[in-house]
Protein backbone atom coordinates (compact mmCIF):
# COMPACT_ATOMS: atom_id res chain seq x y z
CA MET A 1 -75.83 26.03 -18.88
CA LEU A 2 -75.09 22.91 -16.89
CA ARG A 3 -71.95 23.43 -14.87
CA LEU A 4 -70.01 20.18 -14.68
CA ALA A 5 -66.65 19.90 -12.94
CA VAL A 6 -64.17 17.08 -12.40
CA TYR A 7 -62.25 16.57 -9.16
CA PRO A 8 -59.39 14.28 -10.21
CA GLY A 9 -56.87 12.51 -8.01
CA SER A 10 -55.35 9.24 -7.00
CA PHE A 11 -57.32 9.20 -3.71
CA ASP A 12 -55.18 6.40 -2.26
CA PRO A 13 -56.93 6.41 0.14
CA PRO A 14 -59.57 9.14 0.09
CA THR A 15 -59.25 11.30 3.21
CA LEU A 16 -61.60 13.55 5.14
CA GLY A 17 -59.78 16.43 3.42
CA HIS A 18 -60.82 15.05 0.04
CA LEU A 19 -64.41 14.67 1.24
CA ASP A 20 -64.35 18.27 2.50
CA VAL A 21 -63.36 19.49 -0.98
CA VAL A 22 -65.99 17.27 -2.63
CA GLU A 23 -68.78 18.56 -0.40
CA ARG A 24 -67.83 22.19 -0.99
CA ALA A 25 -67.36 21.74 -4.76
CA ALA A 26 -70.76 20.02 -4.93
CA ARG A 27 -72.31 23.30 -3.73
CA LEU A 28 -70.54 25.28 -6.46
CA PHE A 29 -71.30 23.09 -9.48
CA ASP A 30 -74.48 21.49 -10.82
CA ARG A 31 -72.63 18.19 -11.21
CA LEU A 32 -69.28 16.96 -9.92
CA VAL A 33 -67.40 13.88 -11.05
CA VAL A 34 -64.81 12.60 -8.61
CA ALA A 35 -62.36 10.97 -11.01
CA VAL A 36 -59.96 8.33 -9.68
CA GLY A 37 -56.87 8.22 -11.84
CA ARG A 38 -55.15 4.97 -12.74
CA ASN A 39 -51.40 5.42 -12.34
CA SER A 40 -49.40 2.33 -13.24
CA SER A 41 -46.15 3.87 -11.98
CA LYS A 42 -47.30 3.85 -8.35
CA ARG A 43 -47.84 0.88 -6.06
CA PRO A 44 -51.16 1.76 -4.42
CA LEU A 45 -52.53 0.69 -1.06
CA LEU A 46 -56.02 0.36 -2.57
CA SER A 47 -57.07 -0.84 -5.99
CA VAL A 48 -58.87 1.67 -8.20
CA GLU A 49 -62.05 -0.33 -7.62
CA ASP A 50 -61.63 -0.10 -3.83
CA ARG A 51 -61.00 3.65 -4.03
CA CYS A 52 -64.09 4.11 -6.20
CA GLU A 53 -66.18 2.01 -3.82
CA GLY A 54 -65.03 3.93 -0.73
CA LEU A 55 -65.60 7.27 -2.45
CA SER A 56 -69.01 6.26 -3.83
CA ARG A 57 -70.20 5.22 -0.40
CA SER A 58 -68.73 8.40 1.14
CA VAL A 59 -70.50 10.75 -1.30
CA ALA A 60 -73.80 8.87 -1.51
CA HIS A 61 -75.49 11.73 0.39
CA LEU A 62 -74.59 14.17 -2.42
CA GLU A 63 -77.10 13.77 -5.25
CA ASN A 64 -75.04 15.71 -7.79
CA VAL A 65 -71.77 13.80 -7.27
CA THR A 66 -70.65 10.68 -9.12
CA VAL A 67 -67.43 8.69 -8.96
CA ASP A 68 -65.59 7.35 -11.98
CA ALA A 69 -62.16 5.96 -12.86
CA TYR A 70 -60.01 7.15 -15.73
CA GLU A 71 -56.65 6.65 -17.36
CA GLY A 72 -54.51 9.11 -19.29
CA LEU A 73 -54.42 12.88 -19.28
CA THR A 74 -56.88 14.57 -16.95
CA VAL A 75 -57.75 17.23 -19.54
CA ASP A 76 -58.63 14.51 -22.04
CA TYR A 77 -60.98 12.93 -19.48
CA VAL A 78 -62.49 16.34 -18.67
CA GLU A 79 -63.20 16.92 -22.35
CA ARG A 80 -64.61 13.38 -22.76
CA VAL A 81 -67.21 13.91 -20.01
CA GLY A 82 -68.08 17.42 -21.23
CA ALA A 83 -66.75 19.36 -18.25
CA ARG A 84 -65.04 22.74 -18.42
CA ALA A 85 -63.62 22.90 -14.90
CA ILE A 86 -61.15 20.95 -12.81
CA VAL A 87 -61.41 21.20 -9.03
CA ARG A 88 -58.24 20.90 -6.96
CA GLY A 89 -57.77 21.09 -3.22
CA LEU A 90 -54.93 23.02 -1.61
CA ARG A 91 -53.61 22.39 1.89
CA ALA A 92 -50.58 24.67 2.00
CA THR A 93 -48.24 26.70 -0.16
CA ALA A 94 -46.24 23.54 -0.95
CA ASP A 95 -49.31 22.17 -2.76
CA PHE A 96 -49.61 25.38 -4.74
CA GLU A 97 -46.25 24.97 -6.52
CA TYR A 98 -47.20 21.60 -8.00
CA GLU A 99 -50.80 22.59 -8.71
CA TYR A 100 -49.77 25.83 -10.41
CA GLN A 101 -47.40 23.99 -12.74
CA THR A 102 -50.02 21.33 -13.53
CA THR A 103 -52.64 24.01 -14.21
CA LEU A 104 -50.35 25.78 -16.68
CA VAL A 105 -49.72 22.52 -18.55
CA ASN A 106 -53.46 21.75 -18.58
CA ARG A 107 -54.19 25.24 -19.96
CA ARG A 108 -51.62 24.73 -22.68
CA LEU A 109 -53.23 21.42 -23.65
CA ARG A 110 -56.85 22.59 -23.30
CA HIS A 111 -57.13 26.36 -22.96
CA GLU A 112 -60.91 26.17 -22.45
CA VAL A 113 -60.57 24.11 -19.24
CA GLU A 114 -60.40 26.18 -16.05
CA THR A 115 -58.98 25.03 -12.73
CA VAL A 116 -60.73 26.03 -9.51
CA PHE A 117 -58.76 25.78 -6.27
CA LEU A 118 -60.47 25.16 -2.94
CA MET A 119 -58.55 25.49 0.30
CA THR A 120 -58.99 22.49 2.56
CA SER A 121 -60.61 23.37 5.89
CA PRO A 122 -57.86 24.32 8.36
CA GLU A 123 -58.59 21.45 10.75
CA LEU A 124 -57.94 18.97 7.91
CA GLY A 125 -54.89 20.65 6.39
CA TYR A 126 -52.46 18.14 7.87
CA LEU A 127 -54.08 15.18 6.10
CA SER A 128 -52.66 13.56 3.01
CA SER A 129 -53.18 10.16 1.45
CA SER A 130 -49.51 9.33 1.94
CA ILE A 131 -49.72 10.04 5.68
CA VAL A 132 -52.87 7.91 6.01
CA ARG A 133 -51.23 5.09 4.02
CA GLU A 134 -48.18 5.15 6.29
CA VAL A 135 -50.26 5.18 9.47
CA ALA A 136 -52.43 2.32 8.17
CA LEU A 137 -49.50 0.19 7.00
CA LEU A 138 -47.71 0.66 10.34
CA GLY A 139 -50.79 -0.41 12.32
CA GLY A 140 -51.85 3.03 13.58
CA ASP A 141 -55.36 4.35 14.01
CA TYR A 142 -56.32 5.96 10.70
CA ALA A 143 -60.10 5.82 11.25
CA GLY A 144 -60.39 9.51 12.19
CA MET A 145 -58.55 10.55 9.03
CA VAL A 146 -60.83 8.96 6.41
CA PRO A 147 -64.59 8.69 5.91
CA PRO A 148 -66.07 5.61 7.68
CA ALA A 149 -66.75 3.82 4.36
CA VAL A 150 -63.11 4.30 3.38
CA ALA A 151 -61.93 3.00 6.77
CA ASP A 152 -63.86 -0.20 6.03
CA VAL A 153 -62.25 -0.53 2.59
CA VAL A 154 -58.75 0.12 3.99
CA LYS A 155 -59.30 -2.43 6.78
CA LEU A 156 -60.37 -5.03 4.23
CA ALA A 157 -57.37 -4.29 1.98
CA LEU A 158 -54.99 -4.60 4.92
CA SER A 159 -56.56 -7.91 5.93
CA ARG A 160 -55.87 -9.19 2.41
CA GLY A 161 -52.20 -8.38 2.94
CA VAL A 162 -51.69 -5.36 0.72
């Protein structure tokens, strides 16, 4: 049985914490799709295309990982690609509250879809996309918080006046 999982998120921008979860999930599953969600209610720093590009370049060393964009319910996307597992990263107990609630809703919608939680490595637990966005928008040094390919994409987006 081919084990396919989906790691969904907004990834705006993708951080080293996200990459940590991707690399570890790639060892657990035969195939992993990193799925960038389109959320029209948020004003993103990076376009979906920029996020996909940065992620694709960042995971190029992982043969079993692909990057895709999707819209709508995550469980619908998971079913569409034929996966049976959702991967989620946890940094702290505050993340758990939201993730637990989301997992229960997903199970109600698609009982056959399991959610697998991976704890972010302790040295990356402070990172979040919102912190990186704020640092970047305020002119701080965000390069050590994101993969190099993502730093390039963020720099380009900032130069375009996002």
